Protein backbone atom coordinates (compact mmCIF):
# COMPACT_ATOMS: atom_id res chain seq x y z
CA UNK A 1 0.00 0.00 0.00
CA UNK A 2 1.26 3.47 -0.85
CA UNK A 3 1.06 5.35 2.45
CA UNK A 4 2.03 8.99 3.02
CA UNK A 5 5.50 7.80 4.01
CA UNK A 6 5.93 5.49 1.05
CA UNK A 7 4.85 8.16 -1.41
CA UNK A 8 8.08 10.01 -0.68
CA UNK A 9 10.14 6.91 -1.35
CA UNK A 10 8.23 6.10 -4.46
CA UNK A 11 8.50 9.48 -6.07
CA UNK A 12 11.96 8.53 -7.33
CA UNK A 13 10.19 6.13 -9.85
CA UNK A 14 3.49 37.11 22.42
CA UNK A 15 6.22 36.39 25.08
CA UNK A 16 6.28 32.68 25.26
CA UNK A 17 5.06 31.44 28.64
CA UNK A 18 6.33 28.04 29.71
CA UNK A 19 3.98 25.79 31.61
CA UNK A 20 5.46 22.93 33.61
CA UNK A 21 2.88 20.60 35.15
CA UNK A 22 2.88 17.42 37.19
CA UNK A 23 -0.59 15.92 37.41
CA UNK A 24 -1.98 12.73 38.99
CA UNK A 25 -2.26 9.54 37.01
CA UNK A 26 -2.57 5.89 37.88
CA UNK A 27 -2.44 3.32 35.10
CA UNK A 28 -4.17 0.04 35.90
CA UNK A 29 -3.75 -1.65 32.54
CA UNK A 30 -0.84 -3.32 30.80
CA UNK A 31 1.46 -1.05 28.86
CA UNK A 32 1.75 -3.77 26.22
CA UNK A 33 -1.80 -3.77 24.95
CA UNK A 34 -2.20 -5.80 21.79
CA UNK A 35 -4.73 -5.03 19.06
CA UNK A 36 -7.33 -7.68 18.38
CA UNK A 37 -8.49 -8.96 15.03
CA UNK A 38 -11.37 -6.68 14.01
CA UNK A 39 -13.24 -9.79 12.88
CA UNK A 40 -13.23 -11.10 16.44
CA UNK A 41 -15.28 -9.66 19.31
CA UNK A 42 -13.52 -6.74 20.93
CA UNK A 43 -12.33 -7.55 24.42
CA UNK A 44 -12.70 -4.89 27.08
CA UNK A 45 -9.46 -3.72 28.62
CA UNK A 46 -8.95 -2.38 32.12
CA UNK A 47 -10.00 1.28 32.23
CA UNK A 48 -7.39 3.90 32.99
CA UNK A 49 -7.77 5.42 36.43
CA UNK A 50 -7.39 9.15 36.96
CA UNK A 51 -7.71 10.73 40.38
CA UNK A 52 -9.29 14.18 40.67
CA UNK A 53 -7.17 15.94 43.32
CA UNK A 54 -4.55 18.21 41.75
CA UNK A 55 -2.46 20.61 43.79
CA UNK A 56 -1.79 23.59 41.53
CA UNK A 57 0.50 26.31 42.83
CA UNK A 58 1.32 29.32 40.63
CA UNK A 59 4.90 30.51 40.85
CA UNK A 60 6.84 33.44 39.52
CA UNK A 61 9.22 32.59 36.70
CA UNK A 62 12.53 31.50 38.18
CA UNK A 63 11.09 30.67 41.60
CA UNK A 64 10.74 26.90 41.94
CA UNK A 65 8.16 25.99 44.55
CA UNK A 66 5.95 22.90 45.00
CA UNK A 67 3.82 21.64 47.89
CA UNK A 68 1.73 18.57 48.55
CA UNK A 69 -1.66 19.25 50.09
CA UNK A 70 -4.96 17.41 50.43
CA UNK A 71 -8.49 18.04 51.61
CA UNK A 72 -10.49 21.25 51.56
CA UNK A 73 -7.53 23.53 51.04
CA UNK A 74 -6.48 21.65 47.91
CA UNK A 75 -9.98 21.70 46.42
CA UNK A 76 -10.32 25.43 47.11
CA UNK A 77 -6.94 26.05 45.53
CA UNK A 78 -7.85 23.99 42.46
CA UNK A 79 -11.03 25.95 41.91
CA UNK A 80 -9.29 29.28 42.33
CA UNK A 81 -6.51 28.43 39.92
CA UNK A 82 -8.85 27.05 37.27
CA UNK A 83 -10.79 30.31 37.31
CA UNK A 84 -7.74 32.57 37.35
CA UNK A 85 -5.34 30.48 35.31
CA UNK A 86 -5.76 32.30 32.02
CA UNK A 87 -5.11 35.66 33.69
CA UNK A 88 -2.16 34.15 35.49
CA UNK A 89 -0.74 32.98 32.16
CA UNK A 90 0.67 36.46 31.60
CA UNK A 91 2.73 36.38 34.80
CA UNK A 92 3.14 32.86 36.10
CA UNK A 93 4.46 29.45 35.29
CA UNK A 94 2.30 26.64 36.71
CA UNK A 95 3.68 23.67 38.54
CA UNK A 96 1.59 21.04 40.27
CA UNK A 97 2.92 19.18 43.22
CA UNK A 98 3.24 15.45 43.55
CA UNK A 99 0.15 13.66 44.84
CA UNK A 100 -0.43 10.09 45.89
CA UNK A 101 -1.66 8.97 42.48
CA UNK A 102 1.59 9.85 40.75
CA UNK A 103 2.60 12.58 38.33
CA UNK A 104 3.00 13.36 34.66
CA UNK A 105 5.35 15.62 32.76
CA UNK A 106 4.10 18.61 30.80
CA UNK A 107 6.05 21.43 29.20
CA UNK A 108 3.62 23.75 27.42
CA UNK A 109 4.35 27.08 25.76
CA UNK A 110 1.97 29.86 24.84
CA UNK A 111 3.08 30.80 21.33
CA UNK A 112 3.17 34.59 21.32
CA UNK A 113 2.65 36.95 18.41
CA UNK A 114 6.14 38.38 18.78
CA UNK A 115 7.62 35.01 17.84
CA UNK A 116 6.65 35.80 14.26
CA UNK A 117 6.06 32.17 13.31
CA UNK A 118 2.32 32.76 12.79
CA UNK A 119 0.36 35.79 11.60
CA UNK A 120 -0.73 38.35 14.25
CA UNK A 121 -3.82 37.62 16.30
CA UNK A 122 -3.38 33.85 16.47
CA UNK A 123 -3.55 32.35 19.96
CA UNK A 124 -1.95 28.93 20.30
CA UNK A 125 -0.20 26.66 22.78
CA UNK A 126 2.37 23.96 22.06
CA UNK A 127 4.38 21.46 24.02
CA UNK A 128 5.04 17.95 25.26
CA UNK A 129 3.00 15.76 27.59
CA UNK A 130 4.38 12.62 29.20
CA UNK A 131 2.37 9.48 28.50
CA UNK A 132 1.96 6.27 30.50
CA UNK A 133 5.36 4.83 31.33
CA UNK A 134 7.18 8.14 30.84
CA UNK A 135 10.25 8.75 33.01
CA UNK A 136 13.21 11.10 32.77
CA UNK A 137 15.47 8.17 31.88
CA UNK A 138 13.00 6.56 29.46
CA UNK A 139 10.76 9.34 28.16
CA UNK A 140 7.53 8.89 26.26
CA UNK A 141 6.34 12.36 25.34
CA UNK A 142 3.72 13.44 22.84
CA UNK A 143 3.95 16.81 21.11
CA UNK A 144 0.86 18.87 20.35
CA UNK A 145 0.02 22.31 18.96
CA UNK A 146 -3.34 23.67 20.09
CA UNK A 147 -4.88 26.60 18.18
CA UNK A 148 -7.70 28.43 19.94
CA UNK A 149 -10.88 29.16 18.02
CA UNK A 150 -11.17 32.81 17.01
CA UNK A 151 -14.81 32.96 18.05
CA UNK A 152 -15.94 31.78 21.50
CA UNK A 153 -13.04 29.39 22.15
CA UNK A 154 -14.42 28.54 25.60
CA UNK A 155 -17.41 26.80 24.02
CA UNK A 156 -16.26 26.02 20.48
CA UNK A 157 -16.02 22.38 19.37
CA UNK A 158 -12.60 20.75 19.68
CA UNK A 159 -11.10 18.94 16.67
CA UNK A 160 -8.15 16.59 17.17
CA UNK A 161 -6.19 16.14 13.94
CA UNK A 162 -3.54 13.45 13.41
CA UNK A 163 -1.23 12.44 10.56
CA UNK A 164 -1.22 9.30 8.45
CA UNK A 165 1.68 7.14 7.38
CA UNK A 166 2.20 5.37 9.65
CA UNK A 167 4.95 7.83 10.46
CA UNK A 168 3.70 11.17 9.10
CA UNK A 169 3.81 14.23 11.36
CA UNK A 170 0.44 15.53 12.52
CA UNK A 171 1.80 19.08 12.25
CA UNK A 172 1.36 18.94 8.47
CA UNK A 173 -2.43 19.08 8.74
CA UNK A 174 -2.67 22.55 10.31
CA UNK A 175 0.18 23.89 8.18
CA UNK A 176 -1.23 22.60 4.88
CA UNK A 177 -4.92 23.45 5.22
CA UNK A 178 -6.60 23.28 8.61
CA UNK A 179 -4.85 25.78 10.86
CA UNK A 180 -4.43 29.55 10.80
CA UNK A 181 -0.71 29.46 9.88
CA UNK A 182 -0.50 28.33 6.25
CA UNK A 183 2.94 27.17 5.20
CA UNK A 184 4.49 29.03 2.26
CA UNK A 185 7.98 28.98 0.79
CA UNK A 186 9.51 31.48 3.19
CA UNK A 187 7.40 31.02 6.32
CA UNK A 188 3.69 31.29 6.97
CA UNK A 189 0.70 33.42 6.03
CA UNK A 190 -2.81 33.74 7.40
CA UNK A 191 -4.87 30.88 6.01
CA UNK A 192 -8.10 32.25 4.49
CA UNK A 193 -9.68 28.78 4.79
CA UNK A 194 -8.63 28.01 8.36
CA UNK A 195 -10.88 25.75 10.41
CA UNK A 196 -9.99 27.73 13.53
CA UNK A 197 -12.37 30.59 12.85
CA UNK A 198 -15.06 28.53 14.57
CA UNK A 199 -13.29 25.49 16.04
CA UNK A 200 -10.49 24.73 18.48
CA UNK A 201 -7.86 22.63 16.70
CA UNK A 202 -5.36 20.27 18.36
CA UNK A 203 -2.65 18.85 16.09
CA UNK A 204 -0.92 15.80 17.58
CA UNK A 205 2.29 14.11 16.47
CA UNK A 206 1.10 10.51 16.69
CA UNK A 207 2.39 7.92 17.46
CA UNK A 208 5.54 8.49 19.51
CA UNK A 209 8.56 8.83 17.22
CA UNK A 210 6.73 11.03 14.72
CA UNK A 211 7.30 14.77 14.34
CA UNK A 212 8.44 16.20 17.68
CA UNK A 213 7.02 13.32 19.76
CA UNK A 214 9.86 11.30 21.24
CA UNK A 215 10.71 8.37 23.48
CA UNK A 216 9.34 4.84 23.80
CA UNK A 217 7.53 3.66 20.67
CA UNK A 218 4.48 1.47 20.14
CA UNK A 219 4.08 -0.67 17.02
CA UNK A 220 0.32 -0.98 16.47
CA UNK A 221 -2.78 1.17 16.17
CA UNK A 222 -4.53 -0.17 19.25
CA UNK A 223 -1.65 0.68 21.59
CA UNK A 224 -1.22 4.01 19.82
CA UNK A 225 -4.92 4.74 20.38
CA UNK A 226 -4.53 4.10 24.11
CA UNK A 227 -1.71 6.65 24.07
CA UNK A 228 -4.01 9.20 22.43
CA UNK A 229 -6.64 8.65 25.11
CA UNK A 230 -3.96 9.10 27.77
CA UNK A 231 -2.83 12.31 26.05
CA UNK A 232 -6.38 13.66 25.97
CA UNK A 233 -6.92 13.03 29.67
CA UNK A 234 -3.82 15.07 30.42
CA UNK A 235 -4.62 17.73 27.83
CA UNK A 236 -7.95 18.36 29.55
CA UNK A 237 -6.14 18.76 32.86
CA UNK A 238 -4.03 21.48 31.30
CA UNK A 239 -7.01 23.10 29.54
CA UNK A 240 -10.00 22.22 31.77
CA UNK A 241 -12.24 24.89 30.25
CA UNK A 242 -12.59 22.63 27.18
CA UNK A 243 -14.02 19.69 29.14
CA UNK A 244 -17.52 19.00 27.90
CA UNK A 245 -17.10 20.75 24.56
CA UNK A 246 -18.08 18.80 21.48
CA UNK A 247 -15.10 16.64 20.44
CA UNK A 248 -14.38 15.53 16.87
CA UNK A 249 -11.65 13.19 15.57
CA UNK A 250 -10.06 14.01 12.22
CA UNK A 251 -7.54 12.10 10.12
CA UNK A 252 -6.80 10.68 6.71
CA UNK A 253 -4.81 8.04 4.81
CA UNK A 254 -3.52 5.69 7.54
CA UNK A 255 -5.79 7.71 9.80
CA UNK A 256 -8.48 5.42 8.40
CA UNK A 257 -6.99 2.82 10.76
CA UNK A 258 -5.98 5.21 13.53
CA UNK A 259 -9.34 6.99 13.85
CA UNK A 260 -11.63 3.97 14.47
CA UNK A 261 -9.15 2.62 17.02
CA UNK A 262 -8.92 5.96 18.84
CA UNK A 263 -12.69 6.37 18.81
CA UNK A 264 -13.12 2.82 20.11
CA UNK A 265 -10.78 3.41 23.04
CA UNK A 266 -12.50 6.70 23.91
CA UNK A 267 -15.92 5.05 23.73
CA UNK A 268 -14.83 2.07 25.84
CA UNK A 269 -13.29 4.31 28.46
CA UNK A 270 -16.35 6.58 28.54
CA UNK A 271 -18.54 3.54 29.23
CA UNK A 272 -16.25 2.36 32.05
CA UNK A 273 -15.26 5.76 33.39
CA UNK A 274 -13.16 5.69 36.53
CA UNK A 275 -13.16 8.27 39.30
CA UNK A 276 -11.31 11.39 38.25
CA UNK A 277 -11.26 10.60 34.53
CA UNK A 278 -12.67 13.08 32.05
CA UNK A 279 -15.63 11.96 29.95
CA UNK A 280 -14.65 12.89 26.39
CA UNK A 281 -17.66 14.20 24.50
CA UNK A 282 -16.89 12.33 21.27
CA UNK A 283 -19.59 13.47 18.86
CA UNK A 284 -18.24 12.50 15.45
CA UNK A 285 -15.36 11.41 13.22
CA UNK A 286 -14.07 12.93 9.96
CA UNK A 287 -11.88 10.79 7.69
CA UNK A 288 -10.35 11.65 4.32
CA UNK A 289 -8.95 9.27 1.68
CA UNK A 290 -8.40 6.42 4.12
CA UNK A 291 -7.19 2.88 4.17
CA UNK A 292 -9.37 1.02 6.68
CA UNK A 293 -10.13 -2.41 5.22
CA UNK A 294 -7.14 -4.17 3.66
CA UNK A 295 -9.22 -6.36 1.34
CA UNK A 296 -11.20 -3.46 -0.14
CA UNK A 297 -8.07 -1.40 -0.36
CA UNK A 298 -6.02 -3.79 -2.49
CA UNK A 299 -8.90 -5.04 -4.61
CA UNK A 300 -9.97 -1.55 -5.68
CA UNK A 301 -6.45 -0.15 -5.91
CA UNK A 302 -5.76 -2.55 -8.75
CA UNK A 303 -9.06 -1.67 -10.43
CA UNK A 304 -8.24 2.03 -10.22
CA UNK A 305 -4.69 1.77 -11.51
CA UNK A 306 -5.51 -0.63 -14.34
CA UNK A 307 -8.85 0.67 -15.61
CA UNK A 308 -9.77 4.06 -14.14
CA UNK A 309 -6.52 5.97 -14.76
CA UNK A 310 -5.23 5.96 -18.36
CA UNK A 311 -1.54 5.18 -18.89
CA UNK A 312 -0.86 4.21 -15.29
CA UNK A 313 -0.36 0.43 -14.99
CA UNK A 314 0.10 -1.05 -18.47
CA UNK A 315 -1.50 -4.26 -19.74
CA UNK A 316 1.38 -6.58 -18.83
CA UNK A 317 1.63 -5.16 -15.30
CA UNK A 318 -2.11 -5.53 -14.80
CA UNK A 319 -2.12 -9.11 -16.06
CA UNK A 320 0.69 -9.99 -13.66
CA UNK A 321 -0.91 -8.27 -10.67
CA UNK A 322 -4.38 -9.71 -11.22
CA UNK A 323 -2.71 -13.10 -10.76
CA UNK A 324 -1.29 -11.83 -7.44
CA UNK A 325 -4.63 -10.49 -6.19
CA UNK A 326 -6.27 -13.83 -5.21
CA UNK A 327 -3.24 -14.82 -3.13
CA UNK A 328 -3.27 -11.38 -1.52
CA UNK A 329 -6.96 -11.61 -0.58
CA UNK A 330 -6.61 -15.18 0.68
CA UNK A 331 -3.71 -14.10 2.89
CA UNK A 332 -5.77 -11.26 4.33
CA UNK A 333 -8.64 -13.61 5.07
CA UNK A 334 -6.31 -16.05 6.82
CA UNK A 335 -4.85 -13.25 8.95
CA UNK A 336 -8.33 -12.17 10.01
CA UNK A 337 -9.31 -15.64 11.19
CA UNK A 338 -7.14 -15.40 14.30
CA UNK A 339 -7.30 -16.57 17.01
CA UNK A 340 -6.32 -13.14 18.21
CA UNK A 341 -3.62 -11.25 16.35
CA UNK A 342 -1.05 -13.61 14.82
CA UNK A 343 1.74 -11.30 13.73
CA UNK A 344 3.26 -13.73 11.24
CA UNK A 345 -0.01 -14.04 9.32
CA UNK A 346 -0.51 -10.29 9.09
CA UNK A 347 3.06 -9.73 7.94
CA UNK A 348 2.73 -12.53 5.38
CA UNK A 349 -0.43 -10.92 4.00
CA UNK A 350 1.30 -7.57 3.74
CA UNK A 351 4.16 -9.19 1.85
CA UNK A 352 1.78 -11.01 -0.50
CA UNK A 353 -0.14 -7.82 -1.30
CA UNK A 354 2.71 -5.32 -1.55
CA UNK A 355 3.38 -6.04 -5.24
CA UNK A 356 -0.01 -4.56 -6.12
CA UNK A 357 1.03 -1.11 -4.97
CA UNK A 358 4.59 -1.28 -6.28
CA UNK A 359 3.84 -1.50 -10.00
CA UNK A 360 5.37 0.96 -12.45
CA UNK A 361 3.04 3.97 -12.61
CA UNK A 362 4.84 5.38 -15.69
CA UNK A 363 5.22 8.83 -14.16
CA UNK A 364 1.66 9.19 -12.91
CA UNK A 365 1.66 10.77 -9.46
CA UNK A 366 -0.05 8.27 -7.17
CA UNK A 367 -1.56 10.89 -4.87
CA UNK A 368 -2.93 13.01 -7.74
CA UNK A 369 -3.38 11.19 -11.03
CA UNK A 370 -3.78 14.45 -12.95
CA UNK A 371 -0.05 15.04 -12.56
CA UNK A 372 3.13 13.52 -13.94
CA UNK A 373 6.49 13.39 -12.20
CA UNK A 374 9.77 11.69 -13.10
CA UNK A 375 11.95 13.18 -10.37
CA UNK A 376 14.61 11.01 -8.75
CA UNK A 377 14.51 13.16 -5.60
CA UNK A 378 12.60 11.21 -2.89
CA UNK A 379 10.64 14.39 -2.08
CA UNK A 380 10.44 15.52 -5.68
CA UNK A 381 6.98 14.19 -6.46
CA UNK A 382 5.37 15.43 -3.27
CA UNK A 383 3.82 18.91 -3.09
CA UNK A 384 6.53 21.52 -2.32
CA UNK A 385 4.76 22.30 0.95
CA UNK A 386 6.27 19.10 2.40
CA UNK A 387 9.76 20.49 1.99
CA UNK A 388 8.71 23.92 3.26
CA UNK A 389 7.19 22.38 6.39
CA UNK A 390 10.26 20.28 7.06
CA UNK A 391 12.48 23.36 6.87
CA UNK A 392 10.03 25.42 8.96
CA UNK A 393 10.00 23.04 11.92
CA UNK A 394 13.80 22.82 11.89
CA UNK A 395 14.28 26.60 12.20
CA UNK A 396 15.78 27.64 15.58
CA UNK A 397 13.25 30.45 16.08
CA UNK A 398 10.34 28.09 15.43
CA UNK A 399 11.73 25.47 17.80
CA UNK A 400 12.23 28.12 20.48
CA UNK A 401 8.71 29.50 20.03
CA UNK A 402 7.25 26.00 20.36
CA UNK A 403 9.39 25.17 23.40
CA UNK A 404 11.21 22.24 21.79
CA UNK A 405 14.04 20.79 23.92
CA UNK A 406 17.47 21.02 22.31
CA UNK A 407 17.89 17.24 22.05
CA UNK A 408 14.59 16.67 20.20
CA UNK A 409 14.67 16.49 16.40
CA UNK A 410 11.78 16.93 13.99
CA UNK A 411 10.90 13.90 11.85
CA UNK A 412 8.39 14.75 9.15
CA UNK A 413 8.21 11.15 7.85
CA UNK A 414 9.51 8.50 10.26
CA UNK A 415 10.86 5.43 8.51
CA UNK A 416 11.43 3.77 11.89
CA UNK A 417 7.79 4.11 12.96
CA UNK A 418 6.65 2.93 9.54
CA UNK A 419 8.83 -0.17 9.68
CA UNK A 420 7.75 -1.01 13.23
CA UNK A 421 4.09 -0.98 12.21
CA UNK A 422 4.84 -3.01 9.07
CA UNK A 423 6.72 -5.61 11.10
CA UNK A 424 3.66 -5.98 13.30
CA UNK A 425 1.39 -6.35 10.26
CA UNK A 426 -0.76 -3.46 11.47
CA UNK A 427 -1.89 -2.48 7.98
CA UNK A 428 -3.63 -5.81 7.42
CA UNK A 429 -6.87 -5.41 9.31
CA UNK A 430 -10.54 -4.60 8.91
CA UNK A 431 -10.62 -1.46 11.02
CA UNK A 432 -13.86 -0.32 9.36
CA UNK A 433 -15.73 -2.92 11.44
CA UNK A 434 -14.84 -0.92 14.54
CA UNK A 435 -17.27 1.73 13.31
CA UNK A 436 -20.26 -0.58 13.83
CA UNK A 437 -20.68 -0.15 17.63
CA UNK A 438 -19.68 3.51 17.39
CA UNK A 439 -22.42 4.29 14.88
CA UNK A 440 -24.90 2.30 16.96
CA UNK A 441 -23.95 4.47 19.95
CA UNK A 442 -24.81 7.66 18.04
CA UNK A 443 -21.26 8.75 17.12
CA UNK A 444 -21.51 10.20 13.62
CA UNK A 445 -19.14 9.28 10.76
CA UNK A 446 -18.06 11.38 7.75
CA UNK A 447 -15.81 10.30 4.90
CA UNK A 448 -14.76 12.94 2.36
CA UNK A 449 -12.60 11.60 -0.44
CA UNK A 450 -10.62 13.15 -3.29
CA UNK A 451 -11.52 11.49 -6.58
CA UNK A 452 -8.06 11.97 -8.12
CA UNK A 453 -6.26 9.71 -5.61
CA UNK A 454 -4.85 6.35 -6.70
CA UNK A 455 -3.23 5.81 -3.30
CA UNK A 456 -6.41 5.33 -1.25
CA UNK A 457 -8.88 5.19 -4.11
CA UNK A 458 -12.48 6.29 -3.66
CA UNK A 459 -13.87 2.99 -4.94
CA UNK A 460 -12.22 1.11 -2.08
CA UNK A 461 -13.56 3.59 0.47
CA UNK A 462 -17.13 3.36 -0.78
CA UNK A 463 -16.80 -0.43 -0.90
CA UNK A 464 -15.94 -0.84 2.79
CA UNK A 465 -18.51 1.76 3.86
CA UNK A 466 -21.20 -0.40 2.26
CA UNK A 467 -19.99 -3.36 4.34
CA UNK A 468 -20.41 -1.65 7.72
CA UNK A 469 -23.32 -3.37 9.47
CA UNK A 470 -24.83 -0.44 11.32
CA UNK A 471 -28.37 0.84 11.84
CA UNK A 472 -27.75 2.91 8.70
CA UNK A 473 -26.47 0.21 6.35
CA UNK A 474 -29.65 -0.36 4.38
CA UNK A 475 -30.33 3.36 4.01
CA UNK A 476 -26.72 4.02 3.00
CA UNK A 477 -26.89 1.38 0.27
CA UNK A 478 -30.04 2.98 -1.17
CA UNK A 479 -29.05 6.63 -0.74
CA UNK A 480 -28.31 8.64 -3.91
CA UNK A 481 -25.12 10.60 -4.52
CA UNK A 482 -26.45 14.15 -4.81
CA UNK A 483 -24.47 16.91 -6.58
CA UNK A 484 -23.37 19.62 -4.16
CA UNK A 485 -21.47 22.91 -4.20
CA UNK A 486 -21.89 23.66 -7.90
CA UNK A 487 -21.19 20.04 -8.77
CA UNK A 488 -17.73 20.17 -7.16
CA UNK A 489 -18.71 17.16 -5.08
CA UNK A 490 -21.42 14.57 -4.57
CA UNK A 491 -22.93 13.87 -1.17
CA UNK A 492 -24.51 10.66 0.13
CA UNK A 493 -26.23 11.35 3.46
CA UNK A 494 -28.07 9.09 5.88
CA UNK A 495 -29.72 10.80 8.84
CA UNK A 496 -30.82 14.28 9.83
CA UNK A 497 -28.75 17.43 9.40
CA UNK A 498 -25.31 16.68 7.96
CA UNK A 499 -26.02 13.00 8.55
CA UNK A 500 -25.20 10.14 10.85
CA UNK A 501 -23.20 8.42 8.13
CA UNK A 502 -22.08 10.57 5.21
CA UNK A 503 -19.86 10.06 2.17
CA UNK A 504 -18.63 12.96 0.02
CA UNK A 505 -16.69 12.54 -3.23
CA UNK A 506 -14.63 15.65 -4.05
CA UNK A 507 -14.05 15.80 -7.78
CA UNK A 508 -11.05 18.15 -7.76
CA UNK A 509 -9.18 16.57 -4.87
CA UNK A 510 -6.39 14.04 -4.64
CA UNK A 511 -4.98 12.20 -1.63
CA UNK A 512 -4.34 15.51 0.18
CA UNK A 513 -7.87 16.65 -0.46
CA UNK A 514 -7.93 19.47 2.12
CA UNK A 515 -4.76 20.95 0.60
CA UNK A 516 -6.13 20.55 -2.93
CA UNK A 517 -9.59 21.98 -2.21
CA UNK A 518 -9.23 24.03 1.00
CA UNK A 519 -12.33 26.22 0.65
CA UNK A 520 -14.58 23.30 -0.23
CA UNK A 521 -13.23 21.13 2.59
CA UNK A 522 -13.64 23.97 5.08
CA UNK A 523 -17.30 24.18 4.05
CA UNK A 524 -17.63 20.40 4.44
CA UNK A 525 -16.14 20.56 7.94
CA UNK A 526 -18.36 23.47 9.00
CA UNK A 527 -21.49 21.72 7.75
CA UNK A 528 -20.45 18.50 9.47
CA UNK A 529 -19.37 19.76 12.87
CA UNK A 530 -22.33 22.14 13.18
CA UNK A 531 -24.62 19.42 11.77
CA UNK A 532 -26.03 21.63 9.03
CA UNK A 533 -27.63 19.83 6.03
CA UNK A 534 -25.49 19.73 2.90
CA UNK A 535 -28.47 19.80 0.56
């Protein structure tokens, strides 16, 4: 499969305010959680336990002071600080004292206007949060960049955006299309199609080892999803005013595997909420050009590259690969049979299927079939914004503004993370089946897909959506694809408003559909999150 990471390889054919926090956390589950075959019943895992008492003591910069307190005084202090914290931001650094439940690391910076890395008027916060198992000697720290909504940020919906890959930095999403700071050749400019006019946006480098996130890695989507849940619990402790706001997951490409796993963990934990844990108000999911079901993915990839796109795979390549396809699909089916997750079977299926995506494309750009590219530079066939972003996050002034420790490097596309997931066979799964209980629980699902993508082709996406056995399956199969936005897209909607289960085909978009059609995708997102009918 041609993932974001592989595309690169294949192209050859205001005053910053530091926040240091230690907050309570007890983990009662194994740190070596293993994903289960999506064709087998999901097993419940032990909920994470979070204790509510936090001792927060503001301190002047340069004056280190912590104290451990309990009882009424602590609760009064918590309430006072939560109310006054945003005022205190201008003068104080926060530090929380150790409590019985344990502590976590946080180093968060308010990114000021005077840093110059974003246009004036943008309010954002960036930094690292220590995840379960994090220590000074063996860190495990996730990097995020949180952009406040321009209008009513206290009550605005919260969107968490992650990268694909596996191994692609989540910082590319806000810089390419979603955030207020649009990457250009020599820096940034105000993005006219930013999602942050109405929504809070959190970009997360996920999993550990990607972007600025560093430390102990995981090698599968289930464990990575547990890390995201852990991050969110700690994020809400740092920004408690957002607790209860509508929460939306957003991702694309390999995010088609990440997102259902993350949503599943959030939903499971919400149902088994422990004392002190934050209930995450997961309202919906937005997914673009995903891989979710391995069988649909490979079957329809070959169809797209042999028949839908002229001059891509030639006749001899197609004849050879159609002989490979049955073995590929049989291997996937065997991997799904279990019992449990048998790594060797998933890796074998990946090996059997990989030839389908590695055929000679004769210069056709996989992520946008309207284009040709014969560059031998590994980054040469990607949009130039990839190179601009890589340079941007390596600049000393940007690193300083974001509070990046000196020893932490930026990895835009992590080959190590990619290989670790491949060696686990993580790509070979039917993650779309995880949507079934989520849809039944009332969590809405949107897929918006660029038609010009031969990486995660639209036919494969529509195919697996039809297979999801939800309360909406029959209606989804019968629903028409209605032209929308001056025929720039078609919309298939099931449910009231923007829909409970919605599929949008964007005619002028490729794999990076939000970058290709930013105004249209912004309109899609606004309709979806606010639940406004498309037609």
